[in-house]
Amino acid sequence: MIETIGLPLARRIALAAQGFGARRPETPGTVHLRRTLDRLHLHQIDSVNVLSRAHYLPAFSRLGPYDRAELDRLAWGPRRQRRLFEYWAHEASLLPFAFQPYLRWRMAKADRGAAGWTRMRAFARERRPEAMALLDRIRGEGPLAAAEFEAHQGQSGWWEWSEVKSALEWLFWAGHITTAARRGGFERVYDLPERVLPAEVLDQPTPSEAEAHRFLIERSAAAHGIATEAELRDYFRLSPEEARPAILSLAEEGVLIPVSVPGWRHAWLHRDARRPRRIEARALLVPFDPLIWQRDRTERLFGFRYRIEIYVPAEKRVHGYYVLPFLLGDRLVARVDLKADRQRSRLLVQSVHVEPGAPAQTSEALWAELGEMARWLELDGVTSSSARDGL
């Protein structure tokens, strides 16, 4: 008999798996941060900085005001202190070192020209000598950013990638280089993996593709708690052909348990998933938080239709430019368009939209969390012209 799990319990299982529901530590430290990183497995990196870089926010949502410099140290600090590396997982992401061997199959695919964006695949084939020349420069001169190559001068942004930047990104995707540092807050500085990552990581044996897919699906399932097959694949961007055998293998071992959730298709429960009777949480969620980045899942779990409107013309936006859903208890009860005005040292609340049926304490809880975020971002306070009218 397949167990039926109702939507309220499925929602609580998902929240607990993502680290919500536990009391926030009074003083979040390295142990708490690393525990969060180990639970989520990755922090997605994004260039938008209207509030704060995306990779800093998931830990704040779960821990409260932790020291962002601690995340920088784990990601880009001295080699002996690092615990994270950059690579393509869900998207560009920070991941614990333990994942590096299990992503080498993706690096090998990129090296063959079978993975990565179309614009860079030529560097795996007919234009490979050009990329190898850049690799030789990094090998000889040490860490270099794209801007330090003459042919890249004057180019910036995704849509203005130079040929040099495209070649460097292919080298990165193929594992020939990695990120040594982030300069000026975001510019990637490239170096050889053996000069960045510990030898004990690089010396780990390379798993087979099947073993790697099993590992990634199991980690995805642990991070979800309960999920559909499509969601299990999406966490690390696996194809159906890559994921399906891994799911079936894990099911045979009892790691994944088939369950029925009304309205879901092919749902799986991780055998270690917690089933809390109640979730007490209060958090603002960055658009790239793993709890909500799969928009269909967000809508099924919370009845909350969420779309990021950064690329929508201003006059056509419904909720705002950089909108963060607000989690209270086990529900998404509001959404807030936020901006950090660093010149005036204020957290700007540009709009608030409250969900139908939001509890009476939504306003008080939201403004308390906004104040907490402002302090964490080292801003002097929260400013809102008309946002309170929405509460």
Protein backbone atom coordinates (compact mmCIF):
# COMPACT_ATOMS: atom_id res chain seq x y z
CA MET A 1 0.00 0.00 0.00
CA ILE A 2 1.31 3.45 -0.94
CA GLU A 3 0.89 5.98 1.86
CA THR A 4 -1.14 9.09 1.14
CA ILE A 5 0.33 12.29 2.55
CA GLY A 6 -1.93 15.31 2.70
CA LEU A 7 -0.76 18.68 1.44
CA PRO A 8 -0.38 20.31 4.91
CA LEU A 9 1.98 17.54 6.03
CA ALA A 10 3.85 17.60 2.71
CA ARG A 11 4.38 21.32 3.20
CA ARG A 12 5.73 20.82 6.71
CA ILE A 13 8.03 18.02 5.54
CA ALA A 14 9.41 20.27 2.80
CA LEU A 15 9.98 23.17 5.18
CA ALA A 16 11.72 21.01 7.78
CA ALA A 17 13.99 19.51 5.10
CA GLN A 18 14.97 23.03 4.09
CA GLY A 19 15.93 24.01 7.62
CA PHE A 20 12.81 25.91 8.68
CA GLY A 21 10.98 25.37 11.94
CA ALA A 22 13.96 25.20 14.30
CA ARG A 23 14.63 28.10 16.63
CA ARG A 24 17.20 30.50 15.22
CA PRO A 25 20.48 30.59 17.14
CA GLU A 26 21.04 33.68 19.26
CA THR A 27 24.47 34.20 17.71
CA PRO A 28 24.83 32.32 14.42
CA GLY A 29 28.39 31.11 13.98
CA THR A 30 30.49 28.96 11.68
CA VAL A 31 28.95 25.72 12.92
CA HIS A 32 25.42 26.94 12.17
CA LEU A 33 26.42 28.26 8.75
CA ARG A 34 28.15 25.05 7.73
CA ARG A 35 25.18 23.03 8.95
CA THR A 36 22.89 25.10 6.75
CA LEU A 37 25.21 24.72 3.77
CA ASP A 38 25.33 20.97 4.32
CA ARG A 39 21.53 20.82 4.51
CA LEU A 40 20.85 22.85 1.35
CA HIS A 41 23.94 21.53 -0.50
CA LEU A 42 24.29 24.68 -2.55
CA HIS A 43 23.79 28.43 -2.53
CA GLN A 44 22.89 29.81 -5.95
CA ILE A 45 24.98 32.75 -7.19
CA ASP A 46 23.36 35.60 -9.11
CA SER A 47 24.65 38.96 -10.28
CA VAL A 48 21.65 41.07 -9.15
CA ASN A 49 22.66 43.22 -6.17
CA VAL A 50 19.62 45.40 -5.59
CA LEU A 51 19.35 44.03 -2.05
CA SER A 52 22.26 41.70 -1.41
CA ARG A 53 23.99 39.06 -3.52
CA ALA A 54 21.67 36.06 -3.74
CA HIS A 55 24.08 33.56 -2.21
CA TYR A 56 24.05 35.38 1.14
CA LEU A 57 20.27 35.31 1.64
CA PRO A 58 19.33 31.62 2.16
CA ALA A 59 21.49 31.35 5.28
CA PHE A 60 20.00 34.59 6.65
CA SER A 61 16.47 33.27 6.01
CA ARG A 62 17.22 30.25 8.20
CA LEU A 63 19.71 31.58 10.76
CA GLY A 64 19.03 35.29 11.07
CA PRO A 65 21.88 37.83 11.14
CA TYR A 66 24.97 35.71 10.60
CA ASP A 67 28.33 37.19 9.56
CA ARG A 68 28.51 37.37 5.75
CA ALA A 69 32.29 37.54 5.98
CA GLU A 70 32.16 33.98 7.30
CA LEU A 71 30.54 32.79 4.09
CA ASP A 72 33.15 34.70 2.10
CA ARG A 73 35.88 32.96 4.06
CA LEU A 74 34.41 29.51 3.43
CA ALA A 75 34.04 30.28 -0.27
CA TRP A 76 36.99 32.48 -1.21
CA GLY A 77 39.21 32.76 1.86
CA PRO A 78 42.68 31.32 2.41
CA ARG A 79 43.00 27.84 0.99
CA ARG A 80 43.29 26.13 4.38
CA GLN A 81 40.02 27.75 5.52
CA ARG A 82 37.91 27.05 2.43
CA ARG A 83 35.10 24.57 2.50
CA LEU A 84 33.19 25.56 -0.66
CA PHE A 85 33.84 25.72 -4.38
CA GLU A 86 32.01 27.23 -7.34
CA TYR A 87 30.48 25.20 -10.11
CA TRP A 88 27.32 24.70 -12.16
CA ALA A 89 24.85 22.74 -10.00
CA HIS A 90 21.30 24.13 -10.07
CA GLU A 91 22.78 27.22 -11.70
CA ALA A 92 26.11 28.82 -10.82
CA SER A 93 26.46 27.78 -7.20
CA LEU A 94 28.61 27.47 -4.11
CA LEU A 95 28.87 23.84 -2.99
CA PRO A 96 30.68 21.90 -0.26
CA PHE A 97 33.89 20.20 -1.37
CA ALA A 98 32.27 16.77 -1.03
CA PHE A 99 30.31 17.44 -4.22
CA GLN A 100 33.33 18.06 -6.44
CA PRO A 101 34.00 14.41 -7.40
CA TYR A 102 30.29 13.90 -8.12
CA LEU A 103 30.22 16.74 -10.65
CA ARG A 104 33.25 15.67 -12.67
CA TRP A 105 30.98 13.84 -15.13
CA ARG A 106 29.48 17.23 -16.00
CA MET A 107 32.94 18.70 -16.43
CA ALA A 108 33.84 15.82 -18.74
CA LYS A 109 30.70 16.44 -20.81
CA ALA A 110 31.61 20.12 -21.16
CA ASP A 111 35.15 19.15 -22.12
CA ARG A 112 33.68 17.06 -24.97
CA GLY A 113 31.44 19.91 -26.04
CA ALA A 114 28.32 18.05 -24.88
CA ALA A 115 27.35 20.47 -22.08
CA GLY A 116 27.31 24.22 -21.61
CA TRP A 117 25.84 27.06 -23.59
CA THR A 118 26.02 26.95 -27.37
CA ARG A 119 28.28 30.01 -27.56
CA MET A 120 31.04 28.24 -25.65
CA ARG A 121 30.88 24.72 -27.08
CA ALA A 122 33.08 25.64 -30.05
CA PHE A 123 35.98 26.00 -27.60
CA ALA A 124 35.73 22.27 -26.88
CA ARG A 125 36.21 21.52 -30.57
CA GLU A 126 37.52 23.67 -33.41
CA ARG A 127 38.48 26.61 -31.19
CA ARG A 128 40.07 24.54 -28.44
CA PRO A 129 43.62 25.91 -29.09
CA GLU A 130 42.40 29.43 -28.27
CA ALA A 131 41.04 28.29 -24.90
CA MET A 132 44.17 26.30 -24.16
CA ALA A 133 46.26 29.44 -24.80
CA LEU A 134 44.27 31.24 -22.08
CA LEU A 135 44.78 28.27 -19.78
CA ASP A 136 48.53 28.46 -20.39
CA ARG A 137 48.53 32.14 -19.40
CA ILE A 138 46.75 31.38 -16.14
CA ARG A 139 49.12 28.50 -15.51
CA GLY A 140 52.13 30.75 -16.04
CA GLU A 141 50.95 34.07 -14.59
CA GLY A 142 48.64 32.96 -11.78
CA PRO A 143 45.03 33.99 -11.06
CA LEU A 144 43.49 36.20 -13.75
CA ALA A 145 40.10 37.80 -14.36
CA ALA A 146 38.60 38.19 -17.83
CA ALA A 147 39.32 41.92 -17.71
CA GLU A 148 43.05 41.22 -17.53
CA PHE A 149 43.08 39.74 -21.01
CA GLU A 150 43.57 42.45 -23.62
CA ALA A 151 40.99 41.01 -26.00
CA HIS A 152 38.29 41.35 -23.34
CA GLN A 153 38.75 45.08 -22.67
CA GLY A 154 35.53 47.10 -22.81
CA GLN A 155 33.21 44.11 -22.56
CA SER A 156 30.81 43.66 -19.67
CA GLY A 157 27.61 41.86 -18.80
CA TRP A 158 26.07 38.61 -19.98
CA TRP A 159 24.92 39.94 -23.35
CA GLU A 160 28.32 41.51 -24.06
CA TRP A 161 30.50 38.50 -23.34
CA SER A 162 33.73 38.70 -25.27
CA GLU A 163 35.27 35.71 -26.97
CA VAL A 164 37.78 35.60 -24.13
CA LYS A 165 35.03 35.46 -21.49
CA SER A 166 33.23 32.70 -23.38
CA ALA A 167 36.45 30.69 -23.61
CA LEU A 168 37.18 31.18 -19.92
CA GLU A 169 33.68 30.08 -18.98
CA TRP A 170 34.09 26.94 -21.10
CA LEU A 171 37.36 26.22 -19.29
CA PHE A 172 35.50 26.72 -16.01
CA TRP A 173 32.58 24.49 -17.01
CA ALA A 174 35.00 21.82 -18.22
CA GLY A 175 36.90 21.87 -14.92
CA HIS A 176 40.21 23.14 -16.30
CA ILE A 177 39.97 26.23 -14.10
CA THR A 178 37.96 27.26 -11.07
CA THR A 179 37.19 30.42 -9.13
CA ALA A 180 40.06 31.63 -7.00
CA ALA A 181 38.34 34.77 -5.75
CA ARG A 182 35.61 37.29 -6.43
CA ARG A 183 36.99 40.75 -7.10
CA GLY A 184 35.05 43.95 -6.48
CA GLY A 185 32.20 41.97 -5.02
CA PHE A 186 31.45 39.79 -8.03
CA GLU A 187 34.07 39.60 -10.82
CA ARG A 188 35.32 36.03 -11.07
CA VAL A 189 39.08 35.49 -10.84
CA TYR A 190 40.18 32.19 -12.40
CA ASP A 191 42.98 29.83 -11.41
CA LEU A 192 43.96 26.18 -11.73
CA PRO A 193 41.97 23.80 -9.49
CA GLU A 194 45.16 22.39 -7.99
CA ARG A 195 46.08 25.86 -6.72
CA VAL A 196 42.64 26.50 -5.21
CA LEU A 197 41.13 23.22 -4.03
CA PRO A 198 42.74 20.99 -1.40
CA ALA A 199 44.67 17.98 -2.65
CA GLU A 200 42.45 15.65 -0.63
CA VAL A 201 39.48 16.81 -2.72
CA LEU A 202 41.18 16.48 -6.08
CA ASP A 203 42.70 13.12 -5.14
CA GLN A 204 39.29 11.58 -4.50
CA PRO A 205 38.46 8.86 -7.07
CA THR A 206 36.05 9.88 -9.80
CA PRO A 207 32.71 8.09 -9.44
CA SER A 208 30.97 6.61 -12.44
CA GLU A 209 28.21 8.71 -13.96
CA ALA A 210 25.63 6.35 -12.48
CA GLU A 211 27.16 6.69 -9.01
CA ALA A 212 27.28 10.47 -9.36
CA HIS A 213 23.64 10.66 -10.43
CA ARG A 214 22.60 8.50 -7.46
CA PHE A 215 24.49 10.75 -5.08
CA LEU A 216 22.95 13.92 -6.51
CA ILE A 217 19.41 12.53 -6.54
CA GLU A 218 19.77 11.31 -2.94
CA ARG A 219 21.04 14.73 -1.85
CA SER A 220 18.23 16.40 -3.77
CA ALA A 221 15.69 14.15 -2.05
CA ALA A 222 17.14 14.96 1.38
CA ALA A 223 16.94 18.69 0.64
CA HIS A 224 13.32 18.39 -0.54
CA GLY A 225 12.04 15.92 2.04
CA ILE A 226 9.21 15.10 -0.33
CA ALA A 227 9.21 15.77 -4.06
CA THR A 228 8.10 14.74 -7.52
CA GLU A 229 10.53 13.16 -9.96
CA ALA A 230 10.78 16.43 -11.88
CA GLU A 231 11.73 18.27 -8.70
CA LEU A 232 14.34 15.68 -7.78
CA ARG A 233 15.94 16.22 -11.18
CA ASP A 234 15.73 19.99 -11.06
CA TYR A 235 17.81 20.54 -7.92
CA PHE A 236 21.02 19.63 -9.75
CA ARG A 237 19.68 20.03 -13.30
CA LEU A 238 19.72 16.36 -14.28
CA SER A 239 17.98 15.09 -17.39
CA PRO A 240 15.22 12.45 -17.17
CA GLU A 241 17.63 9.92 -18.68
CA GLU A 242 20.23 10.68 -16.01
CA ALA A 243 17.82 10.80 -13.08
CA ARG A 244 15.39 7.97 -13.70
CA PRO A 245 17.80 5.03 -13.11
CA ALA A 246 19.11 6.73 -9.98
CA ILE A 247 15.60 7.20 -8.60
CA LEU A 248 14.69 3.58 -9.26
CA SER A 249 17.93 2.35 -7.69
CA LEU A 250 17.39 4.45 -4.56
CA ALA A 251 13.78 3.24 -4.39
CA GLU A 252 14.94 -0.38 -4.48
CA GLU A 253 17.21 0.31 -1.51
CA GLY A 254 14.41 2.02 0.41
CA VAL A 255 16.11 5.42 0.41
CA LEU A 256 13.23 6.84 -1.62
CA ILE A 257 9.72 5.80 -0.68
CA PRO A 258 6.86 6.22 -3.16
CA VAL A 259 3.95 8.17 -1.67
CA SER A 260 0.76 9.73 -2.91
CA VAL A 261 0.13 13.45 -2.50
CA PRO A 262 -3.17 14.77 -3.89
CA GLY A 263 -2.51 16.65 -7.12
CA TRP A 264 1.11 15.46 -7.41
CA ARG A 265 2.55 13.04 -9.92
CA HIS A 266 5.11 10.39 -8.93
CA ALA A 267 5.89 11.69 -5.44
CA TRP A 268 8.83 10.40 -3.39
CA LEU A 269 9.61 10.72 0.31
CA HIS A 270 13.17 10.53 1.60
CA ARG A 271 13.34 7.84 4.28
CA ASP A 272 14.98 10.26 6.76
CA ALA A 273 12.50 13.09 6.20
CA ARG A 274 11.08 14.61 9.37
CA ARG A 275 7.31 14.92 9.80
CA PRO A 276 6.80 17.86 12.14
CA ARG A 277 3.34 18.52 13.52
CA ARG A 278 3.93 22.25 13.44
CA ILE A 279 6.34 24.68 11.77
CA GLU A 280 7.19 27.99 13.40
CA ALA A 281 9.11 30.10 10.91
CA ARG A 282 9.54 33.72 9.92
CA ALA A 283 11.65 34.44 6.86
CA LEU A 284 12.06 36.61 3.79
CA LEU A 285 13.02 34.44 0.81
CA VAL A 286 15.30 35.57 -2.00
CA PRO A 287 13.96 34.61 -5.47
CA PHE A 288 16.82 32.09 -5.79
CA ASP A 289 16.15 30.31 -2.49
CA PRO A 290 15.89 26.54 -3.04
CA LEU A 291 12.59 26.45 -1.15
CA ILE A 292 10.89 28.45 -3.92
CA TRP A 293 13.10 28.40 -7.03
CA GLN A 294 10.95 25.67 -8.60
CA ARG A 295 7.90 27.84 -9.24
CA ASP A 296 5.44 25.00 -9.94
CA ARG A 297 6.42 23.34 -6.65
CA THR A 298 5.95 26.64 -4.82
CA GLU A 299 2.46 26.94 -6.24
CA ARG A 300 1.51 23.35 -5.36
CA LEU A 301 2.95 23.49 -1.84
CA PHE A 302 1.78 26.95 -0.83
CA GLY A 303 -0.93 27.96 -3.31
CA PHE A 304 1.40 30.87 -4.10
CA ARG A 305 2.01 31.84 -7.72
CA TYR A 306 5.42 33.48 -7.89
CA ARG A 307 7.33 34.89 -10.84
CA ILE A 308 10.44 37.07 -10.76
CA GLU A 309 9.79 40.30 -12.67
CA ILE A 310 13.31 41.68 -13.09
CA TYR A 311 13.12 41.34 -16.86
CA VAL A 312 9.52 42.56 -17.14
CA PRO A 313 9.07 46.20 -18.26
CA ALA A 314 8.31 48.38 -15.25
CA GLU A 315 4.81 49.28 -16.42
CA LYS A 316 3.89 45.59 -16.74
CA ARG A 317 5.14 44.41 -13.35
CA VAL A 318 2.49 43.13 -10.97
CA HIS A 319 4.40 43.01 -7.68
CA GLY A 320 7.71 44.80 -8.26
CA TYR A 321 11.31 44.45 -9.40
CA TYR A 322 12.97 42.32 -6.68
CA VAL A 323 10.20 40.68 -4.72
CA LEU A 324 10.78 38.42 -1.72
CA PRO A 325 8.00 36.10 -0.52
CA PHE A 326 7.43 36.21 3.24
CA LEU A 327 7.15 32.90 5.11
CA LEU A 328 5.22 32.89 8.37
CA GLY A 329 4.59 29.58 10.08
CA ASP A 330 4.13 27.14 7.23
CA ARG A 331 2.57 29.57 4.76
CA LEU A 332 3.73 32.21 2.31
CA VAL A 333 1.62 35.12 3.48
CA ALA A 334 2.98 38.18 1.66
CA ARG A 335 5.48 39.43 -0.89
CA VAL A 336 7.67 42.51 -0.55
CA ASP A 337 9.58 44.49 -3.18
CA LEU A 338 12.87 45.49 -1.49
CA LYS A 339 15.91 47.57 -2.29
CA ALA A 340 18.96 48.43 -0.22
CA ASP A 341 19.62 52.17 -0.51
CA ARG A 342 23.25 52.11 0.60
CA GLN A 343 23.80 55.81 0.03
CA ARG A 344 21.09 56.72 2.55
CA SER A 345 21.64 53.55 4.60
CA ARG A 346 18.00 52.49 4.40
CA LEU A 347 16.15 49.32 3.47
CA LEU A 348 13.48 50.53 1.06
CA VAL A 349 10.12 48.77 1.05
CA GLN A 350 8.76 49.68 -2.36
CA SER A 351 5.57 47.62 -2.18
CA VAL A 352 3.85 44.99 -0.05
CA HIS A 353 1.22 42.56 -1.27
CA VAL A 354 -0.53 40.38 1.31
CA GLU A 355 -2.01 37.01 0.41
CA PRO A 356 -5.72 36.37 0.97
CA GLY A 357 -6.33 34.85 4.38
CA ALA A 358 -2.99 35.97 5.85
CA PRO A 359 -3.07 35.79 9.66
CA ALA A 360 -3.61 38.91 11.76
CA GLN A 361 0.01 38.91 12.98
CA THR A 362 1.41 39.20 9.42
CA SER A 363 2.08 42.93 9.65
CA GLU A 364 3.91 42.78 12.97
CA ALA A 365 5.95 39.75 11.96
CA LEU A 366 6.88 41.19 8.57
CA TRP A 367 8.09 44.49 9.96
CA ALA A 368 10.08 42.73 12.64
CA GLU A 369 11.81 40.64 9.96
CA LEU A 370 12.46 43.71 7.81
CA GLY A 371 14.12 45.39 10.77
CA GLU A 372 16.27 42.30 11.32
CA MET A 373 17.29 42.30 7.67
CA ALA A 374 18.19 45.99 7.75
CA ARG A 375 20.47 45.46 10.73
CA TRP A 376 22.09 42.44 9.05
CA LEU A 377 22.75 44.51 5.92
CA GLU A 378 24.27 47.22 8.15
CA LEU A 379 21.58 49.73 7.18
CA ASP A 380 20.26 52.26 9.66
CA GLY A 381 16.61 51.38 9.26
CA VAL A 382 13.59 50.60 7.10
CA THR A 383 11.86 53.20 4.94
CA SER A 384 8.45 52.79 3.35
CA SER A 385 6.26 55.43 1.79
CA SER A 386 3.00 53.58 1.23
CA ALA A 387 3.86 49.91 1.80
CA ARG A 388 2.06 49.79 5.16
CA ASP A 389 -1.15 50.55 3.30
CA GLY A 390 -0.94 47.03 1.88
CA LEU A 391 -1.10 45.46 5.33
